[in-house]
Protein backbone atom coordinates (compact mmCIF):
# COMPACT_ATOMS: atom_id res chain seq x y z
CA UNK A 1 -5.18 11.85 -17.57
CA UNK A 2 -4.05 11.22 -20.71
CA UNK A 3 -0.25 12.91 -21.32
CA UNK A 4 0.45 12.18 -18.09
CA UNK A 5 4.16 10.24 -17.08
CA UNK A 6 4.86 8.10 -14.08
CA UNK A 7 8.24 7.42 -14.00
CA UNK A 8 9.58 5.31 -11.26
CA UNK A 9 13.08 4.02 -10.42
CA UNK A 10 13.27 0.76 -9.60
CA UNK A 11 16.89 -1.59 -9.15
CA UNK A 12 17.15 -4.70 -10.87
CA UNK A 13 20.06 -6.97 -10.42
CA UNK A 14 22.16 -4.38 -8.59
CA UNK A 15 21.49 -2.15 -11.37
CA UNK A 16 19.28 0.96 -11.21
CA UNK A 17 17.08 1.34 -13.87
CA UNK A 18 13.92 4.04 -14.47
CA UNK A 19 10.85 2.86 -16.33
CA UNK A 20 8.68 5.40 -17.88
CA UNK A 21 4.60 5.03 -18.05
CA UNK A 22 2.56 7.15 -20.51
CA UNK A 23 -1.24 7.57 -19.86
CA UNK A 24 -2.17 7.37 -23.68
CA UNK A 25 -5.96 7.24 -24.96
CA UNK A 26 -8.32 7.38 -27.87
CA UNK A 27 -11.05 9.31 -29.04
CA UNK A 28 -14.03 6.42 -27.43
CA UNK A 29 -11.97 7.53 -24.05
CA UNK A 30 -10.00 4.19 -23.82
CA UNK A 31 -7.56 4.52 -21.49
CA UNK A 32 -4.13 2.71 -20.85
CA UNK A 33 -0.98 3.31 -19.59
CA UNK A 34 1.81 2.36 -22.54
CA UNK A 35 5.66 1.46 -21.79
CA UNK A 36 8.54 3.28 -23.32
CA UNK A 37 11.00 0.64 -22.40
CA UNK A 38 9.31 -2.71 -23.78
CA UNK A 39 6.36 -1.03 -25.78
CA UNK A 40 3.73 -2.52 -24.28
CA UNK A 41 0.24 -1.29 -23.16
CA UNK A 42 -2.17 -1.83 -19.85
CA UNK A 43 -5.77 -0.74 -20.95
CA UNK A 44 -7.80 0.23 -17.14
CA UNK A 45 -10.94 1.82 -16.62
CA UNK A 46 -12.35 3.54 -13.65
CA UNK A 47 -16.59 3.16 -12.98
CA UNK A 48 -16.02 5.70 -10.48
CA UNK A 49 -15.83 2.65 -7.54
CA UNK A 50 -12.99 0.73 -8.97
CA UNK A 51 -10.17 0.83 -10.86
CA UNK A 52 -8.85 -1.89 -12.93
CA UNK A 53 -7.31 -3.10 -16.08
CA UNK A 54 -9.05 -4.96 -18.42
CA UNK A 55 -6.62 -6.45 -21.35
CA UNK A 56 -2.80 -6.22 -21.49
CA UNK A 57 -0.73 -7.10 -24.51
CA UNK A 58 3.34 -7.22 -24.87
CA UNK A 59 6.48 -8.10 -22.43
CA UNK A 60 4.38 -10.84 -19.97
CA UNK A 61 8.58 -10.09 -18.03
CA UNK A 62 8.43 -6.08 -17.95
CA UNK A 63 7.51 -4.06 -14.65
CA UNK A 64 4.16 -3.11 -16.21
CA UNK A 65 2.53 -6.67 -16.66
CA UNK A 66 3.83 -7.48 -12.43
CA UNK A 67 1.68 -4.43 -12.09
CA UNK A 68 -0.96 -4.68 -13.14
CA UNK A 69 -0.99 -8.95 -12.00
CA UNK A 70 -0.72 -8.02 -8.49
CA UNK A 71 -3.83 -4.24 -8.99
CA UNK A 72 -5.82 -6.90 -11.10
CA UNK A 73 -8.70 -4.93 -9.21
């Protein structure tokens, strides 16, 4: 749902961090996840049976990038 905020608590190199992703969409109903820390975006679609990412823009060392690599389709 657009406006939803997803928060993750992760440990990186012994340091605890909170990662926040926001679900956003445009007037054409294209939806994406926006990482507030890395300013990265990952566009996704759901056809009713399959949830998949279609495009990524931003930092390729961010948690969001690794997330979409693991969940491409």
